[in-house]
Amino acid sequence: MGGVVYRETEAQSVLNPVRGMGFRWSANPYRGCTHGCHYCFARRYHAYLELTPGDDFTGIIFVKVNAPLVLRAELARRNWRREAVAIGTASDPYQPIEGRYRLTRGILEALHGALTPATVVTKGPMVVRDIDVLQALRDRAGVTVCVSLTTLDRDRWRQLEPGTAPPAQRLRAVERLSAAGISVGVLLAPIIPGLTADRENLEAVVRGAAEHGAVFLAANVLHLEPGVKEHFTTFLEAQAPGLLPVYRSLYRASYAPEGFRTRITARVEELRERYGLDAWPRSPVGPLSGRPEDSPAAPTGGAGRLVARGPAQLSLGL
């Protein structure tokens, strides 16, 4: 991670409305991600900042230093209905810099204080640091953690996700969360044609999830939006050039043909049933009665210092 630039910014809002998904709101304390997953759909969002979806996405990370404070104000509005919030939909909330800023923890504490349920999506084993606040949120509003895994094969992992923790560490995080009574599952996504879509790989991930205490496993097949598609093609040219004709055929559009996707997801469904996993987490407890201020305080660990207004830039040797 040497040479990564972290730009401290102050967010005007944290809650993002979402359409067409299984949740209504998302929250992301960071923009950009040092995990460097070559398939990541969020890479294209850096283009909105006139930055590249390649090196800039992994090398220039925006840190919303006031995210917990802004979120508390948003959750305190009279019209807030305590609908579930998904954390980590566009940038991993437990990428390494979270150890310094603790913004994700601050967001979880804010949700707890507002009796608002949450889903956390991450590849970061650091999530176990926050077991105490996750338990508090579970008891007051509801929480689910989705740990993302594409493969248990170390060579494929190094190719596809060069900045992430090893798959075995992620499975240990699943095990610890499960032992702590947190609803936790595995997100087998994306399934990557020619690299992780074979039955052996899929079964290894499903079996690993079940053996480590996951209660559900969700999956979907790779899609390639403009910007991400070009980056992923460059990755294939370097790492798996033999797959280029396959991808030209499968990805004339952003999504592979429906028939192909159906065959892959049917394979996952068969494995999921064999290993006794649900297809998706049960809904969080969802809006509770009472006033948010009546809830007991969540464990505190600090949400990171807030800086003066205006962006600052840190170049950290992380």
Protein backbone atom coordinates (compact mmCIF):
# COMPACT_ATOMS: atom_id res chain seq x y z
CA MET A 1 0.00 0.00 0.00
CA GLY A 2 3.01 2.26 -0.21
CA GLY A 3 2.30 5.55 -1.93
CA VAL A 4 -1.43 5.57 -1.25
CA VAL A 5 -2.79 9.11 -0.86
CA TYR A 6 -5.59 9.69 1.65
CA ARG A 7 -7.61 12.87 1.16
CA GLU A 8 -9.62 13.97 4.16
CA THR A 9 -12.94 15.47 3.11
CA GLU A 10 -16.09 16.60 4.86
CA ALA A 11 -19.28 15.01 3.59
CA GLN A 12 -22.45 17.03 3.15
CA SER A 13 -24.52 13.86 3.56
CA VAL A 14 -23.85 10.20 4.31
CA LEU A 15 -27.14 8.43 3.61
CA ASN A 16 -27.57 7.59 -0.07
CA PRO A 17 -31.00 6.53 -1.40
CA VAL A 18 -30.89 3.24 -3.32
CA ARG A 19 -33.33 1.89 -5.91
CA GLY A 20 -33.72 -1.61 -7.28
CA MET A 21 -31.85 -3.35 -4.47
CA GLY A 22 -32.85 -5.17 -1.31
CA PHE A 23 -32.21 -2.09 0.80
CA ARG A 24 -33.30 1.55 0.68
CA TRP A 25 -30.19 3.32 1.98
CA SER A 26 -26.41 2.97 1.85
CA ALA A 27 -23.52 4.62 3.67
CA ASN A 28 -19.85 4.62 2.69
CA PRO A 29 -17.27 6.37 4.89
CA TYR A 30 -14.56 5.98 2.22
CA ARG A 31 -14.39 6.49 -1.52
CA GLY A 32 -11.88 4.36 -3.38
CA CYS A 33 -10.39 1.18 -1.96
CA THR A 34 -6.90 -0.20 -1.46
CA HIS A 35 -8.15 -3.79 -1.73
CA GLY A 36 -7.61 -3.45 -5.47
CA CYS A 37 -10.13 -6.07 -6.62
CA HIS A 38 -9.84 -5.98 -10.40
CA TYR A 39 -13.52 -6.73 -10.95
CA CYS A 40 -14.91 -4.09 -8.56
CA PHE A 41 -17.93 -2.31 -10.04
CA ALA A 42 -17.25 0.78 -7.89
CA ARG A 43 -14.06 1.57 -9.81
CA ARG A 44 -16.13 3.51 -12.33
CA TYR A 45 -17.25 6.00 -9.69
CA HIS A 46 -13.78 7.54 -9.58
CA ALA A 47 -14.37 8.76 -13.13
CA TYR A 48 -16.96 11.17 -11.72
CA LEU A 49 -14.04 12.87 -9.96
CA GLU A 50 -11.95 12.95 -13.16
CA LEU A 51 -9.81 10.14 -11.77
CA THR A 52 -9.07 6.77 -13.35
CA PRO A 53 -10.83 3.51 -12.40
CA GLY A 54 -7.43 1.84 -12.34
CA ASP A 55 -4.53 3.13 -10.26
CA ASP A 56 -6.41 6.17 -8.94
CA PHE A 57 -9.21 4.05 -7.47
CA THR A 58 -6.71 2.11 -5.36
CA GLY A 59 -4.19 4.92 -4.86
CA ILE A 60 -6.35 7.95 -4.00
CA ILE A 61 -8.77 7.29 -1.15
CA PHE A 62 -11.24 9.89 0.07
CA VAL A 63 -11.87 9.77 3.81
CA LYS A 64 -15.15 11.32 4.98
CA VAL A 65 -13.84 12.34 8.37
CA ASN A 66 -17.15 13.75 9.59
CA ALA A 67 -19.29 10.81 8.43
CA PRO A 68 -20.48 9.66 11.90
CA LEU A 69 -21.37 13.21 12.93
CA VAL A 70 -23.30 13.93 9.72
CA LEU A 71 -25.07 10.57 9.93
CA ARG A 72 -26.24 11.26 13.48
CA ALA A 73 -27.87 14.47 12.25
CA GLU A 74 -29.54 12.68 9.34
CA LEU A 75 -30.87 9.91 11.59
CA ALA A 76 -32.27 12.49 14.02
CA ARG A 77 -34.66 13.95 11.44
CA ARG A 78 -38.33 13.59 12.29
CA ASN A 79 -39.09 11.86 9.00
CA TRP A 80 -36.42 9.15 9.43
CA ARG A 81 -38.25 5.79 9.36
CA ARG A 82 -35.41 3.63 10.70
CA GLU A 83 -35.09 1.70 7.46
CA ALA A 84 -32.11 -0.62 7.12
CA VAL A 85 -28.83 0.93 5.99
CA ALA A 86 -26.22 -1.02 3.99
CA ILE A 87 -22.62 -0.13 4.84
CA GLY A 88 -19.85 -0.82 2.34
CA THR A 89 -21.72 -0.96 -0.94
CA ALA A 90 -19.19 1.11 -2.93
CA SER A 91 -15.99 0.92 -0.87
CA ASP A 92 -14.91 -1.56 1.78
CA PRO A 93 -15.70 -0.12 5.23
CA TYR A 94 -12.91 -2.20 6.80
CA GLN A 95 -10.07 -1.50 4.41
CA PRO A 96 -6.85 -0.95 6.40
CA ILE A 97 -7.24 2.83 6.86
CA GLU A 98 -10.31 2.15 9.04
CA GLY A 99 -7.85 1.11 11.74
CA ARG A 100 -6.72 4.72 11.89
CA TYR A 101 -9.98 6.64 11.42
CA ARG A 102 -12.57 4.28 12.99
CA LEU A 103 -15.33 5.83 10.89
CA THR A 104 -17.19 2.58 10.28
CA ARG A 105 -17.34 1.98 14.00
CA GLY A 106 -18.68 5.50 14.45
CA ILE A 107 -21.37 4.84 11.84
CA LEU A 108 -22.44 1.65 13.61
CA GLU A 109 -22.67 3.55 16.90
CA ALA A 110 -24.79 6.23 15.23
CA LEU A 111 -27.16 3.59 13.84
CA HIS A 112 -27.41 1.97 17.27
CA GLY A 113 -28.30 5.30 18.84
CA ALA A 114 -31.05 5.83 16.26
CA LEU A 115 -32.45 2.28 16.52
CA THR A 116 -31.68 1.72 12.84
CA PRO A 117 -30.85 -1.78 11.51
CA ALA A 118 -27.84 -2.33 9.27
CA THR A 119 -26.10 -4.69 6.89
CA VAL A 120 -22.30 -4.59 6.63
CA VAL A 121 -20.52 -5.85 3.49
CA THR A 122 -16.76 -6.37 3.78
CA LYS A 123 -13.69 -8.37 2.87
CA GLY A 124 -11.89 -7.04 5.96
CA PRO A 125 -11.26 -9.27 8.99
CA MET A 126 -11.02 -6.02 10.98
CA VAL A 127 -14.80 -6.28 11.34
CA VAL A 128 -14.24 -8.50 14.40
CA ARG A 129 -12.80 -5.46 16.20
CA ASP A 130 -16.35 -4.12 16.36
CA ILE A 131 -18.09 -7.23 17.69
CA ASP A 132 -19.15 -5.31 20.80
CA VAL A 133 -21.00 -2.58 18.91
CA LEU A 134 -22.40 -5.13 16.42
CA GLN A 135 -23.86 -7.07 19.35
CA ALA A 136 -25.36 -3.89 20.78
CA LEU A 137 -26.88 -3.00 17.41
CA ARG A 138 -28.18 -6.54 16.99
CA ASP A 139 -30.00 -6.32 20.31
CA ARG A 140 -31.54 -2.90 19.67
CA ALA A 141 -32.33 -2.83 15.95
CA GLY A 142 -30.81 -5.75 14.04
CA VAL A 143 -27.59 -6.27 12.10
CA THR A 144 -26.23 -8.64 9.46
CA VAL A 145 -22.63 -9.00 8.27
CA CYS A 146 -21.81 -10.24 4.75
CA VAL A 147 -18.19 -11.34 4.31
CA SER A 148 -17.23 -11.33 0.63
CA LEU A 149 -15.33 -14.31 -0.80
CA THR A 150 -14.73 -15.17 -4.44
CA THR A 151 -12.31 -18.06 -4.02
CA LEU A 152 -10.27 -20.01 -1.47
CA ASP A 153 -7.52 -20.68 -4.02
CA ARG A 154 -4.51 -18.60 -3.02
CA ASP A 155 -3.21 -18.10 -6.58
CA ARG A 156 -6.56 -16.91 -7.88
CA TRP A 157 -7.00 -14.72 -4.80
CA ARG A 158 -3.63 -13.02 -5.33
CA GLN A 159 -4.49 -12.37 -8.97
CA LEU A 160 -7.97 -11.00 -8.45
CA GLU A 161 -7.81 -9.25 -5.07
CA PRO A 162 -4.19 -8.25 -4.47
CA GLY A 163 -4.83 -5.89 -1.54
CA THR A 164 -7.23 -8.02 0.47
CA ALA A 165 -6.75 -10.30 3.46
CA PRO A 166 -6.29 -14.00 2.62
CA PRO A 167 -9.52 -16.00 2.29
CA ALA A 168 -8.65 -18.09 5.35
CA GLN A 169 -8.55 -14.95 7.50
CA ARG A 170 -11.98 -13.94 6.23
CA LEU A 171 -13.40 -17.34 7.12
CA ARG A 172 -11.95 -17.00 10.61
CA ALA A 173 -13.75 -13.66 10.87
CA VAL A 174 -17.00 -15.42 9.89
CA GLU A 175 -16.35 -17.97 12.62
CA ARG A 176 -15.72 -15.32 15.28
CA LEU A 177 -18.79 -13.31 14.32
CA SER A 178 -20.94 -16.44 14.39
CA ALA A 179 -19.60 -17.41 17.81
CA ALA A 180 -20.48 -13.92 19.03
CA GLY A 181 -24.09 -14.38 17.97
CA ILE A 182 -23.96 -12.09 14.94
CA SER A 183 -26.00 -13.03 11.86
CA VAL A 184 -23.19 -13.58 9.37
CA GLY A 185 -22.98 -15.03 5.90
CA VAL A 186 -20.79 -15.16 2.82
CA LEU A 187 -21.25 -13.15 -0.34
CA LEU A 188 -19.87 -15.31 -3.15
CA ALA A 189 -19.58 -12.46 -5.55
CA PRO A 190 -18.79 -11.90 -8.18
CA ILE A 191 -18.53 -15.34 -9.75
CA ILE A 192 -15.98 -14.81 -12.50
CA PRO A 193 -16.28 -16.89 -15.69
CA GLY A 194 -13.18 -18.91 -16.43
CA LEU A 195 -11.56 -18.10 -13.08
CA THR A 196 -13.92 -18.84 -10.19
CA ALA A 197 -17.06 -20.30 -11.82
CA ASP A 198 -15.92 -23.94 -11.84
CA ARG A 199 -17.77 -26.34 -9.57
CA GLU A 200 -14.66 -27.13 -7.50
CA ASN A 201 -14.13 -23.48 -6.58
CA LEU A 202 -17.80 -22.83 -5.87
CA GLU A 203 -18.10 -25.86 -3.63
CA ALA A 204 -14.94 -24.93 -1.72
CA VAL A 205 -16.38 -21.51 -0.87
CA VAL A 206 -19.83 -22.86 0.04
CA ARG A 207 -18.35 -25.61 2.18
CA GLY A 208 -15.98 -23.18 3.89
CA ALA A 209 -18.85 -20.83 4.67
CA ALA A 210 -20.92 -23.61 6.23
CA GLU A 211 -18.01 -25.03 8.24
CA HIS A 212 -17.22 -21.61 9.74
CA GLY A 213 -20.70 -20.79 10.96
CA ALA A 214 -22.25 -18.79 8.12
CA VAL A 215 -26.04 -18.94 8.10
CA PHE A 216 -26.53 -17.75 4.52
CA LEU A 217 -24.70 -17.51 1.23
CA ALA A 218 -25.62 -15.08 -1.54
CA ALA A 219 -24.06 -15.07 -5.00
CA ASN A 220 -24.08 -13.28 -8.32
CA VAL A 221 -22.20 -13.40 -11.59
CA LEU A 222 -19.69 -10.76 -12.69
CA HIS A 223 -21.01 -7.74 -14.55
CA LEU A 224 -18.78 -5.23 -16.28
CA GLU A 225 -19.90 -1.62 -16.61
CA PRO A 226 -18.05 0.87 -18.84
CA GLY A 227 -14.78 1.86 -17.21
CA VAL A 228 -14.60 -1.32 -15.19
CA LYS A 229 -14.80 -3.40 -18.37
CA GLU A 230 -11.73 -1.71 -19.81
CA HIS A 231 -9.79 -2.16 -16.58
CA PHE A 232 -10.76 -5.83 -16.31
CA THR A 233 -9.81 -6.43 -19.94
CA THR A 234 -6.35 -5.03 -19.22
CA PHE A 235 -6.13 -7.40 -16.24
CA LEU A 236 -7.08 -10.37 -18.45
CA GLU A 237 -4.52 -9.38 -21.09
CA ALA A 238 -1.81 -9.60 -18.42
CA GLN A 239 -3.03 -12.53 -16.33
CA ALA A 240 -5.29 -14.74 -18.47
CA PRO A 241 -5.09 -13.77 -22.16
CA GLY A 242 -6.65 -17.07 -23.19
CA LEU A 243 -9.94 -15.89 -21.70
CA LEU A 244 -10.21 -12.77 -23.86
CA PRO A 245 -12.28 -14.46 -26.62
CA VAL A 246 -14.63 -15.87 -23.97
CA TYR A 247 -15.19 -12.43 -22.47
CA ARG A 248 -15.71 -10.79 -25.85
CA SER A 249 -18.50 -13.30 -26.43
CA LEU A 250 -20.05 -13.19 -22.95
CA TYR A 251 -19.80 -9.46 -22.30
CA ARG A 252 -21.06 -7.72 -25.39
CA ALA A 253 -23.19 -5.86 -22.84
CA SER A 254 -22.57 -5.20 -19.15
CA TYR A 255 -24.13 -8.50 -18.11
CA ALA A 256 -23.47 -12.02 -19.36
CA PRO A 257 -26.45 -13.65 -21.14
CA GLU A 258 -29.29 -14.62 -18.84
CA GLY A 259 -29.03 -18.31 -19.71
CA PHE A 260 -25.37 -18.38 -18.68
CA ARG A 261 -26.08 -16.60 -15.41
CA THR A 262 -28.98 -18.94 -14.65
CA ARG A 263 -26.79 -22.01 -15.10
CA ILE A 264 -24.17 -20.65 -12.71
CA THR A 265 -26.63 -19.56 -10.04
CA ALA A 266 -28.42 -22.93 -10.26
CA ARG A 267 -25.09 -24.60 -9.50
CA VAL A 268 -24.71 -22.39 -6.43
CA GLU A 269 -28.28 -23.09 -5.33
CA GLU A 270 -27.65 -26.84 -5.45
CA LEU A 271 -24.53 -26.46 -3.31
CA ARG A 272 -26.23 -24.11 -0.89
CA GLU A 273 -29.02 -26.59 -0.28
CA ARG A 274 -26.54 -29.42 0.18
CA TYR A 275 -24.67 -27.51 2.88
CA GLY A 276 -27.77 -26.16 4.62
CA LEU A 277 -27.32 -22.44 3.98
CA ASP A 278 -30.07 -19.89 3.47
CA ALA A 279 -30.06 -17.89 0.25
CA TRP A 280 -30.06 -14.51 1.96
CA PRO A 281 -30.10 -13.17 5.53
CA ARG A 282 -33.38 -12.86 7.29
CA SER A 283 -34.47 -9.23 7.52
CA PRO A 284 -33.03 -7.22 10.43
CA VAL A 285 -35.43 -6.65 13.30
CA GLY A 286 -36.37 -3.31 11.74
CA PRO A 287 -38.11 -0.29 13.16
CA LEU A 288 -38.56 -0.68 16.88
CA SER A 289 -40.93 1.15 19.12
CA GLY A 290 -39.75 3.80 21.52
CA ARG A 291 -37.55 6.82 21.07
CA PRO A 292 -33.95 6.58 19.91
CA GLU A 293 -32.73 8.53 22.92
CA ASP A 294 -34.21 5.84 25.19
CA SER A 295 -31.74 3.24 23.95
CA PRO A 296 -28.66 2.46 26.04
CA ALA A 297 -25.38 3.77 24.77
CA ALA A 298 -23.41 1.53 22.48
CA PRO A 299 -19.83 0.68 23.45
CA THR A 300 -17.59 3.50 22.38
CA GLY A 301 -14.21 3.33 20.78
CA GLY A 302 -14.03 6.68 19.11
CA ALA A 303 -15.00 7.48 15.56
CA GLY A 304 -11.78 9.15 14.52
CA ARG A 305 -10.88 12.80 14.95
CA LEU A 306 -12.68 15.44 12.96
CA VAL A 307 -10.58 17.97 11.15
CA ALA A 308 -11.15 21.60 10.31
CA ARG A 309 -13.40 22.30 7.34
CA GLY A 310 -11.87 21.91 3.92
CA PRO A 311 -10.08 18.91 2.42
CA ALA A 312 -6.69 17.85 3.68
CA GLN A 313 -4.38 15.40 1.97
CA LEU A 314 -2.36 12.77 3.74
CA SER A 315 0.23 10.65 2.01
CA LEU A 316 0.69 7.74 4.37
CA GLY A 317 3.06 4.86 3.99
CA LEU A 318 0.34 2.27 4.57
